[in-house]
Amino acid sequence: REESQAPAPEEAAQKAAPAAAPSQDMREVIVEMGNVRDAPSIEAEIKFRIQRGDTVRVTEQQGHWCAIELEDGRSGWAHHTLLSRSEGTHENKGEPRGESPLKEIRAIRPIHTKADETGVIFELNGYYPPKTRVLDGGHPRLVCDFPNTRINGDIPRTMALKNGFIERIRIGIHEEPHPKVRVVMDFKPGRDYTVEQLFYKKENYYTLMVKPRK
């Protein structure tokens, strides 16, 4: 007859060890609408969309892409700028353990000075000045693009200004052709403006000051 063999110590330990708990990296969608793709690439096919307030579980991260799962079983890849920060970030540093810092716009604050200048302060988490350009015409505006950057979900997507030369600030999240946060400042029409850019490295404040051209 066949003799039963006792399992090796390693096998017994493996059988006795409890199964690893699933990842509980839960995050919230912070954009109005975002694409979930079937691979970690901007060129991958879109499987479905997620919207602000949805909660997802991040199971893996590759570069700027997160593998996510929803409660209804759907899964795919979402760009990190669509999601809130991981709860496992370094305190006061805003960066995941073992990874490079994530660019983030933490606050946007309009200001109006006594010298009749209008400004916008961007509170960032590092030295990340945007790419800017002024679009002239009947509706002049200033466009600021922050590549590969997330934005604090508490920042409103539209801000109307009562004083100064900026009528409103509009914020959009763009995935294609390259992920970015775009901030557009609509100026009051009928005047020429000059724009001064300042960066305060100690505070990580990027500031735009707008005044009429003399």
Protein backbone atom coordinates (compact mmCIF):
# COMPACT_ATOMS: atom_id res chain seq x y z
CA ARG A 1 0.00 0.00 0.00
CA GLU A 2 1.01 3.58 -0.54
CA GLU A 3 2.43 5.38 2.44
CA SER A 4 1.32 8.93 3.18
CA GLN A 5 4.09 11.45 3.51
CA ALA A 6 4.09 14.35 5.91
CA PRO A 7 4.24 17.71 4.18
CA ALA A 8 7.54 19.50 4.18
CA PRO A 9 7.86 22.26 6.78
CA GLU A 10 7.76 24.90 4.02
CA GLU A 11 4.56 23.43 2.56
CA ALA A 12 2.94 23.26 5.99
CA ALA A 13 3.79 26.87 6.65
CA GLN A 14 2.32 27.90 3.32
CA LYS A 15 -0.91 26.01 4.02
CA ALA A 16 -1.18 27.45 7.50
CA ALA A 17 -0.48 31.06 6.45
CA PRO A 18 -3.62 33.11 5.91
CA ALA A 19 -4.28 34.57 2.49
CA ALA A 20 -2.93 38.06 1.97
CA ALA A 21 -5.52 40.75 2.49
CA PRO A 22 -6.52 42.55 -0.68
CA SER A 23 -5.21 46.04 -1.25
CA GLN A 24 -7.34 48.72 0.37
CA ASP A 25 -5.92 51.71 -1.47
CA MET A 26 -9.29 53.41 -1.85
CA ARG A 27 -9.43 56.69 -3.73
CA GLU A 28 -12.08 59.12 -4.91
CA VAL A 29 -12.57 60.46 -8.42
CA ILE A 30 -11.89 64.23 -8.34
CA VAL A 31 -12.81 65.21 -11.93
CA GLU A 32 -16.21 65.70 -13.52
CA MET A 33 -15.64 62.81 -15.93
CA GLY A 34 -12.64 60.62 -16.70
CA ASN A 35 -11.76 57.77 -19.03
CA VAL A 36 -10.85 54.27 -17.84
CA ARG A 37 -8.77 52.38 -20.42
CA ASP A 38 -7.84 48.76 -21.03
CA ALA A 39 -4.09 49.47 -20.74
CA PRO A 40 -1.87 52.11 -19.06
CA SER A 41 -1.59 54.31 -22.15
CA ILE A 42 -3.36 57.39 -23.47
CA GLU A 43 -3.72 55.50 -26.78
CA ALA A 44 -5.43 52.47 -25.23
CA GLU A 45 -9.12 51.82 -25.84
CA ILE A 46 -11.62 53.47 -23.48
CA LYS A 47 -13.61 50.83 -21.57
CA PHE A 48 -15.91 53.08 -19.55
CA ARG A 49 -15.98 56.40 -17.72
CA ILE A 50 -15.87 57.40 -14.08
CA GLN A 51 -17.19 60.61 -12.55
CA ARG A 52 -16.67 62.87 -9.57
CA GLY A 53 -17.48 61.19 -6.26
CA ASP A 54 -16.98 57.60 -7.46
CA THR A 55 -14.84 55.47 -5.15
CA VAL A 56 -12.33 53.04 -6.67
CA ARG A 57 -9.73 50.61 -5.36
CA VAL A 58 -6.22 50.96 -6.78
CA THR A 59 -4.61 47.55 -7.20
CA GLU A 60 -1.47 48.50 -9.10
CA GLN A 61 0.41 51.56 -10.31
CA GLN A 62 2.62 51.92 -13.38
CA GLY A 63 4.17 55.36 -13.72
CA HIS A 64 1.31 57.86 -13.88
CA TRP A 65 -1.34 55.16 -14.37
CA CYS A 66 -3.41 53.32 -11.75
CA ALA A 67 -5.13 49.96 -12.18
CA ILE A 68 -8.54 50.43 -10.57
CA GLU A 69 -11.53 48.31 -9.61
CA LEU A 70 -15.08 49.48 -8.96
CA GLU A 71 -17.58 47.91 -6.59
CA ASP A 72 -19.60 46.59 -9.54
CA GLY A 73 -16.59 44.58 -10.77
CA ARG A 74 -15.51 46.81 -13.62
CA SER A 75 -11.78 47.40 -13.88
CA GLY A 76 -9.23 49.18 -16.04
CA TRP A 77 -6.52 51.83 -16.02
CA ALA A 78 -7.00 55.49 -15.03
CA HIS A 79 -4.50 58.33 -15.07
CA HIS A 80 -3.48 59.37 -11.55
CA THR A 81 -4.69 62.96 -12.09
CA LEU A 82 -8.28 61.65 -12.08
CA LEU A 83 -7.99 60.35 -8.51
CA SER A 84 -7.41 61.70 -5.04
CA ARG A 85 -4.03 61.07 -3.43
CA SER A 86 -3.31 57.75 -1.81
CA GLU A 87 -3.85 57.60 1.95
CA GLY A 88 -0.36 56.08 2.17
CA THR A 89 1.46 59.25 1.22
CA HIS A 90 4.23 60.79 3.27
CA GLU A 91 2.79 63.28 5.71
CA ASN A 92 3.40 66.89 4.61
CA LYS A 93 5.20 65.77 1.48
CA GLY A 94 2.35 64.67 -0.71
CA GLU A 95 4.25 61.81 -2.27
CA PRO A 96 3.74 58.02 -2.24
CA ARG A 97 6.28 55.95 -0.37
CA GLY A 98 9.10 54.87 -2.64
CA GLU A 99 7.88 56.96 -5.60
CA SER A 100 8.70 60.36 -7.08
CA PRO A 101 6.53 63.30 -5.99
CA LEU A 102 3.25 63.86 -7.80
CA LYS A 103 2.68 67.34 -9.18
CA GLU A 104 -0.36 68.96 -7.61
CA ILE A 105 -2.22 72.25 -7.66
CA ARG A 106 -3.28 72.58 -4.03
CA ALA A 107 -5.11 75.91 -4.23
CA ILE A 108 -5.94 78.75 -6.63
CA ARG A 109 -6.55 82.17 -5.11
CA PRO A 110 -7.49 85.34 -7.02
CA ILE A 111 -6.20 88.64 -5.58
CA HIS A 112 -6.80 92.34 -6.26
CA THR A 113 -4.18 94.85 -5.11
CA LYS A 114 -4.45 98.49 -4.11
CA ALA A 115 -2.44 99.36 -7.21
CA ASP A 116 -5.40 98.16 -9.29
CA GLU A 117 -3.68 94.97 -10.37
CA THR A 118 -5.42 91.62 -10.59
CA GLY A 119 -3.54 88.45 -9.76
CA VAL A 120 -3.92 84.72 -9.36
CA ILE A 121 -1.86 82.70 -6.89
CA PHE A 122 -1.32 79.00 -7.57
CA GLU A 123 -0.25 77.03 -4.52
CA LEU A 124 1.77 74.03 -5.76
CA ASN A 125 3.71 71.24 -4.10
CA GLY A 126 6.97 71.95 -5.92
CA TYR A 127 8.65 74.05 -8.60
CA TYR A 128 6.23 73.34 -11.44
CA PRO A 129 5.62 76.57 -13.40
CA PRO A 130 3.08 76.05 -16.19
CA LYS A 131 3.34 76.65 -19.91
CA THR A 132 1.49 79.91 -20.56
CA ARG A 133 0.24 81.81 -23.59
CA VAL A 134 -1.98 84.85 -24.13
CA LEU A 135 -4.73 84.63 -26.73
CA ASP A 136 -5.70 88.06 -28.07
CA GLY A 137 -8.87 88.99 -29.90
CA GLY A 138 -12.38 89.93 -28.97
CA HIS A 139 -12.21 87.77 -25.86
CA PRO A 140 -8.61 87.94 -24.57
CA ARG A 141 -7.54 85.18 -22.22
CA LEU A 142 -4.50 83.64 -20.63
CA VAL A 143 -4.02 79.87 -20.86
CA CYS A 144 -1.87 77.98 -18.31
CA ASP A 145 -1.10 74.30 -18.90
CA PHE A 146 0.25 72.14 -16.06
CA PRO A 147 1.46 68.84 -17.63
CA ASN A 148 1.07 65.58 -15.67
CA THR A 149 -0.47 67.43 -12.73
CA ARG A 150 -3.40 66.64 -10.45
CA ILE A 151 -5.65 69.27 -8.90
CA ASN A 152 -7.16 69.44 -5.42
CA GLY A 153 -10.74 68.26 -5.72
CA ASP A 154 -11.98 71.09 -3.49
CA ILE A 155 -11.03 73.74 -6.07
CA PRO A 156 -14.12 74.85 -8.01
CA ARG A 157 -13.92 74.36 -11.78
CA THR A 158 -15.23 77.88 -12.46
CA MET A 159 -14.60 81.03 -10.43
CA ALA A 160 -16.25 84.36 -11.29
CA LEU A 161 -14.36 87.49 -10.19
CA LYS A 162 -16.19 90.71 -9.32
CA ASN A 163 -13.20 93.07 -9.22
CA GLY A 164 -10.17 93.61 -11.41
CA PHE A 165 -9.39 92.69 -15.00
CA ILE A 166 -10.13 88.96 -14.89
CA GLU A 167 -13.78 88.06 -15.39
CA ARG A 168 -13.51 84.40 -14.52
CA ILE A 169 -11.16 81.45 -14.09
CA ARG A 170 -11.98 78.15 -15.80
CA ILE A 171 -10.30 74.83 -15.03
CA GLY A 172 -10.30 71.71 -17.19
CA ILE A 173 -8.75 68.22 -16.92
CA HIS A 174 -7.37 66.97 -20.24
CA GLU A 175 -6.18 63.45 -21.00
CA GLU A 176 -5.36 63.79 -24.69
CA PRO A 177 -3.01 64.13 -26.40
CA HIS A 178 -1.05 64.53 -23.13
CA PRO A 179 -2.46 64.58 -19.56
CA LYS A 180 -2.62 68.08 -18.10
CA VAL A 181 -4.60 70.56 -16.05
CA ARG A 182 -5.55 73.64 -18.06
CA VAL A 183 -6.43 76.89 -16.29
CA VAL A 184 -7.93 79.66 -18.44
CA MET A 185 -8.31 83.25 -17.25
CA ASP A 186 -10.85 85.28 -19.25
CA PHE A 187 -9.92 88.99 -19.32
CA LYS A 188 -12.34 91.85 -19.65
CA PRO A 189 -12.52 92.74 -23.36
CA GLY A 190 -11.54 96.04 -24.97
CA ARG A 191 -8.15 96.53 -23.31
CA ASP A 192 -4.55 95.45 -23.79
CA TYR A 193 -2.89 93.72 -20.86
CA THR A 194 0.54 92.86 -19.63
CA VAL A 195 1.15 89.75 -17.52
CA GLU A 196 3.95 89.36 -14.98
CA GLN A 197 4.93 85.89 -13.74
CA LEU A 198 6.48 85.34 -10.33
CA PHE A 199 7.51 82.18 -8.49
CA TYR A 200 8.17 82.03 -4.77
CA LYS A 201 10.20 78.86 -4.38
CA LYS A 202 10.13 78.76 -0.59
CA GLU A 203 6.32 78.75 -0.49
CA ASN A 204 5.86 77.03 -3.90
CA TYR A 205 3.62 79.88 -5.02
CA TYR A 206 3.31 80.62 -8.73
CA THR A 207 1.72 84.05 -9.25
CA LEU A 208 0.36 85.84 -12.30
CA MET A 209 -0.20 89.61 -12.07
CA VAL A 210 -2.35 91.27 -14.75
CA LYS A 211 -2.51 95.01 -15.47
CA PRO A 212 -3.52 97.15 -18.43
CA ARG A 213 -0.82 98.09 -20.89
CA LYS A 214 -0.02 101.83 -20.70
